[in-house]
Amino acid sequence: MNIIDKAKIHLIAVIAGVFLFLGGCSKTVLNAEKIAPKTPQSGELTVAAYEGDIEKVRSLLAAGAYINENIGTDENQVTPLIAALSNKQTVMAEFLLERGAATQSSYMFFNASDFARYQNQYETAVKIEKSAK
């Protein structure tokens, strides 16, 4: 097995980790909405981005949600952009980029551009790289 195959396997494991992480966050966010439905909850924007719900993301941003919220750790950042890319939500990723989403976030040492390229979202990867300069 060469280094590229090992990297692909690692990235698949990373994406699976993001899916599992966001699955748990989705339940937490839904329960949190019952407590305080008028304010954006931590993770709510990221889950909506992962699901590709542009209208919800638009309304959360208008309500003051932080476009670069990180519901992961400092090392393994799960931002709305990373979440959208990990679920092949190209339109959502571009929507977030147009509104200033940070491109330097990384999850398991893979940045937003890496996620886009792995998901065959090459045009989005180029946009990410251009906006990072």
C-alpha atoms as a PDB file:
ATOM      1  CA  MET A   1       0.000   0.000   0.000  1.00  0.00           C
ATOM      2  CA  ASN A   2       1.539   3.291  -1.064  1.00  0.00           C
ATOM      3  CA  ILE A   3       1.398   6.622   0.762  1.00  0.00           C
ATOM      4  CA  ILE A   4      -1.514   7.903  -1.362  1.00  0.00           C
ATOM      5  CA  ASP A   5      -3.646   4.865  -0.531  1.00  0.00           C
ATOM      6  CA  LYS A   6      -2.830   5.305   3.166  1.00  0.00           C
ATOM      7  CA  ALA A   7      -3.792   8.990   2.957  1.00  0.00           C
ATOM      8  CA  LYS A   8      -7.101   8.099   1.261  1.00  0.00           C
ATOM      9  CA  ILE A   9      -7.922   5.562   3.973  1.00  0.00           C
ATOM     10  CA  HIS A  10      -7.067   8.117   6.655  1.00  0.00           C
ATOM     11  CA  LEU A  11      -9.263  10.764   5.031  1.00  0.00           C
ATOM     12  CA  ILE A  12     -12.166   8.307   4.797  1.00  0.00           C
ATOM     13  CA  ALA A  13     -11.778   7.628   8.518  1.00  0.00           C
ATOM     14  CA  VAL A  14     -11.725  11.390   9.186  1.00  0.00           C
ATOM     15  CA  ILE A  15     -14.904  11.961   7.181  1.00  0.00           C
ATOM     16  CA  ALA A  16     -16.596   9.091   9.010  1.00  0.00           C
ATOM     17  CA  GLY A  17     -15.567  10.742  12.293  1.00  0.00           C
ATOM     18  CA  VAL A  18     -17.138  14.039  11.202  1.00  0.00           C
ATOM     19  CA  PHE A  19     -20.382  12.225  10.297  1.00  0.00           C
ATOM     20  CA  LEU A  20     -20.514  10.520  13.692  1.00  0.00           C
ATOM     21  CA  PHE A  21     -19.638  13.722  15.538  1.00  0.00           C
ATOM     22  CA  LEU A  22     -22.326  15.727  13.732  1.00  0.00           C
ATOM     23  CA  GLY A  23     -24.906  13.006  14.266  1.00  0.00           C
ATOM     24  CA  GLY A  24     -24.507  13.434  18.027  1.00  0.00           C
ATOM     25  CA  CYS A  25     -24.503  17.239  17.742  1.00  0.00           C
ATOM     26  CA  SER A  26     -27.747  17.218  15.790  1.00  0.00           C
ATOM     27  CA  LYS A  27     -29.574  15.563  18.697  1.00  0.00           C
ATOM     28  CA  THR A  28     -28.022  17.990  21.189  1.00  0.00           C
ATOM     29  CA  VAL A  29     -29.022  20.999  19.096  1.00  0.00           C
ATOM     30  CA  LEU A  30     -32.583  19.742  18.713  1.00  0.00           C
ATOM     31  CA  ASN A  31     -32.902  19.344  22.490  1.00  0.00           C
ATOM     32  CA  ALA A  32     -31.325  22.764  23.072  1.00  0.00           C
ATOM     33  CA  GLU A  33     -33.925  24.411  20.822  1.00  0.00           C
ATOM     34  CA  LYS A  34     -36.625  23.437  23.316  1.00  0.00           C
ATOM     35  CA  ILE A  35     -34.784  25.391  26.015  1.00  0.00           C
ATOM     36  CA  ALA A  36     -33.942  28.621  24.148  1.00  0.00           C
ATOM     37  CA  PRO A  37     -35.465  28.655  20.660  1.00  0.00           C
ATOM     38  CA  LYS A  38     -34.800  32.360  19.911  1.00  0.00           C
ATOM     39  CA  THR A  39     -30.991  32.334  20.033  1.00  0.00           C
ATOM     40  CA  PRO A  40     -28.600  30.320  17.836  1.00  0.00           C
ATOM     41  CA  GLN A  41     -27.209  27.389  19.791  1.00  0.00           C
ATOM     42  CA  SER A  42     -23.607  26.262  19.518  1.00  0.00           C
ATOM     43  CA  GLY A  43     -23.453  23.766  16.701  1.00  0.00           C
ATOM     44  CA  GLU A  44     -26.789  24.655  15.169  1.00  0.00           C
ATOM     45  CA  LEU A  45     -25.180  26.481  12.241  1.00  0.00           C
ATOM     46  CA  THR A  46     -22.724  23.642  11.640  1.00  0.00           C
ATOM     47  CA  VAL A  47     -25.487  21.031  11.600  1.00  0.00           C
ATOM     48  CA  ALA A  48     -27.578  23.131   9.190  1.00  0.00           C
ATOM     49  CA  ALA A  49     -24.530  23.542   6.920  1.00  0.00           C
ATOM     50  CA  TYR A  50     -23.884  19.797   7.038  1.00  0.00           C
ATOM     51  CA  GLU A  51     -27.507  19.185   6.023  1.00  0.00           C
ATOM     52  CA  GLY A  52     -27.329  21.793   3.234  1.00  0.00           C
ATOM     53  CA  ASP A  53     -30.189  23.889   4.628  1.00  0.00           C
ATOM     54  CA  ILE A  54     -29.313  27.296   3.136  1.00  0.00           C
ATOM     55  CA  GLU A  55     -32.440  29.023   4.415  1.00  0.00           C
ATOM     56  CA  LYS A  56     -31.749  27.921   7.979  1.00  0.00           C
ATOM     57  CA  VAL A  57     -28.098  28.952   7.682  1.00  0.00           C
ATOM     58  CA  ARG A  58     -29.147  32.339   6.291  1.00  0.00           C
ATOM     59  CA  SER A  59     -31.584  32.896   9.165  1.00  0.00           C
ATOM     60  CA  LEU A  60     -29.050  31.744  11.794  1.00  0.00           C
ATOM     61  CA  LEU A  61     -26.425  34.127  10.421  1.00  0.00           C
ATOM     62  CA  ALA A  62     -28.975  36.958  10.467  1.00  0.00           C
ATOM     63  CA  ALA A  63     -29.729  36.071  14.109  1.00  0.00           C
ATOM     64  CA  GLY A  64     -26.055  36.416  15.006  1.00  0.00           C
ATOM     65  CA  ALA A  65     -24.616  32.909  14.644  1.00  0.00           C
ATOM     66  CA  TYR A  66     -20.844  32.898  14.153  1.00  0.00           C
ATOM     67  CA  ILE A  67     -19.967  31.689  10.644  1.00  0.00           C
ATOM     68  CA  ASN A  68     -16.729  30.095  11.871  1.00  0.00           C
ATOM     69  CA  GLU A  69     -18.080  28.416  14.998  1.00  0.00           C
ATOM     70  CA  ASN A  70     -15.987  25.434  16.001  1.00  0.00           C
ATOM     71  CA  ILE A  71     -17.875  22.593  17.642  1.00  0.00           C
ATOM     72  CA  GLY A  72     -14.781  20.387  17.668  1.00  0.00           C
ATOM     73  CA  THR A  73     -11.485  20.946  19.416  1.00  0.00           C
ATOM     74  CA  ASP A  74      -8.568  23.236  18.598  1.00  0.00           C
ATOM     75  CA  GLU A  75      -6.854  20.325  16.803  1.00  0.00           C
ATOM     76  CA  ASN A  76      -9.926  18.863  15.130  1.00  0.00           C
ATOM     77  CA  GLN A  77     -12.045  21.795  14.114  1.00  0.00           C
ATOM     78  CA  VAL A  78     -15.574  21.165  12.922  1.00  0.00           C
ATOM     79  CA  THR A  79     -16.751  24.388  11.351  1.00  0.00           C
ATOM     80  CA  PRO A  80     -19.790  24.931   9.125  1.00  0.00           C
ATOM     81  CA  LEU A  81     -17.521  24.928   6.045  1.00  0.00           C
ATOM     82  CA  ILE A  82     -15.771  21.666   7.006  1.00  0.00           C
ATOM     83  CA  ALA A  83     -19.145  20.080   7.812  1.00  0.00           C
ATOM     84  CA  ALA A  84     -20.673  21.122   4.478  1.00  0.00           C
ATOM     85  CA  LEU A  85     -17.693  19.836   2.516  1.00  0.00           C
ATOM     86  CA  SER A  86     -17.620  16.534   4.392  1.00  0.00           C
ATOM     87  CA  ASN A  87     -21.224  15.902   3.278  1.00  0.00           C
ATOM     88  CA  LYS A  88     -20.709  16.991  -0.363  1.00  0.00           C
ATOM     89  CA  GLN A  89     -22.796  20.152   0.139  1.00  0.00           C
ATOM     90  CA  THR A  90     -21.033  22.156  -2.589  1.00  0.00           C
ATOM     91  CA  VAL A  91     -23.697  24.859  -2.872  1.00  0.00           C
ATOM     92  CA  MET A  92     -23.615  25.342   0.895  1.00  0.00           C
ATOM     93  CA  ALA A  93     -19.813  25.496   0.936  1.00  0.00           C
ATOM     94  CA  GLU A  94     -19.810  28.191  -1.723  1.00  0.00           C
ATOM     95  CA  PHE A  95     -22.580  30.065   0.113  1.00  0.00           C
ATOM     96  CA  LEU A  96     -20.426  30.072   3.269  1.00  0.00           C
ATOM     97  CA  LEU A  97     -17.312  31.123   1.350  1.00  0.00           C
ATOM     98  CA  GLU A  98     -19.195  34.078  -0.163  1.00  0.00           C
ATOM     99  CA  ARG A  99     -20.041  35.195   3.367  1.00  0.00           C
ATOM    100  CA  GLY A 100     -16.479  35.010   4.635  1.00  0.00           C
ATOM    101  CA  ALA A 101     -16.106  31.526   6.094  1.00  0.00           C
ATOM    102  CA  ALA A 102     -12.545  30.845   7.215  1.00  0.00           C
ATOM    103  CA  THR A 103     -10.698  28.395   4.994  1.00  0.00           C
ATOM    104  CA  GLN A 104      -7.753  27.578   7.248  1.00  0.00           C
ATOM    105  CA  SER A 105      -9.720  25.364   9.659  1.00  0.00           C
ATOM    106  CA  SER A 106      -8.615  21.756   9.730  1.00  0.00           C
ATOM    107  CA  TYR A 107      -9.912  18.441  10.961  1.00  0.00           C
ATOM    108  CA  MET A 108      -7.359  15.660  11.525  1.00  0.00           C
ATOM    109  CA  PHE A 109      -4.792  17.733   9.601  1.00  0.00           C
ATOM    110  CA  PHE A 110      -7.032  18.049   6.529  1.00  0.00           C
ATOM    111  CA  ASN A 111      -8.122  21.564   5.634  1.00  0.00           C
ATOM    112  CA  ALA A 112     -11.230  22.683   3.771  1.00  0.00           C
ATOM    113  CA  SER A 113      -9.507  22.425   0.399  1.00  0.00           C
ATOM    114  CA  ASP A 114      -8.443  18.824   1.157  1.00  0.00           C
ATOM    115  CA  PHE A 115     -12.042  17.892   1.986  1.00  0.00           C
ATOM    116  CA  ALA A 116     -13.303  19.503  -1.222  1.00  0.00           C
ATOM    117  CA  ARG A 117     -10.740  17.723  -3.381  1.00  0.00           C
ATOM    118  CA  TYR A 118     -11.395  14.364  -1.755  1.00  0.00           C
ATOM    119  CA  GLN A 119     -15.125  14.776  -2.412  1.00  0.00           C
ATOM    120  CA  ASN A 120     -14.375  15.622  -6.090  1.00  0.00           C
ATOM    121  CA  GLN A 121     -15.492  19.227  -5.558  1.00  0.00           C
ATOM    122  CA  TYR A 122     -12.552  20.611  -7.527  1.00  0.00           C
ATOM    123  CA  GLU A 123     -14.080  23.986  -8.442  1.00  0.00           C
ATOM    124  CA  THR A 124     -14.897  24.589  -4.788  1.00  0.00           C
ATOM    125  CA  ALA A 125     -11.357  23.598  -3.799  1.00  0.00           C
ATOM    126  CA  VAL A 126      -9.970  26.206  -6.200  1.00  0.00           C
ATOM    127  CA  LYS A 127     -12.309  28.858  -4.728  1.00  0.00           C
ATOM    128  CA  ILE A 128     -11.160  27.924  -1.232  1.00  0.00           C
ATOM    129  CA  GLU A 129      -7.521  28.187  -2.221  1.00  0.00           C
ATOM    130  CA  LYS A 130      -8.071  31.574  -3.906  1.00  0.00           C
ATOM    131  CA  SER A 131      -9.929  32.973  -0.900  1.00  0.00           C
ATOM    132  CA  ALA A 132      -7.153  31.789   1.435  1.00  0.00           C
ATOM    133  CA  LYS A 133      -4.575  33.996  -0.308  1.00  0.00           C
END
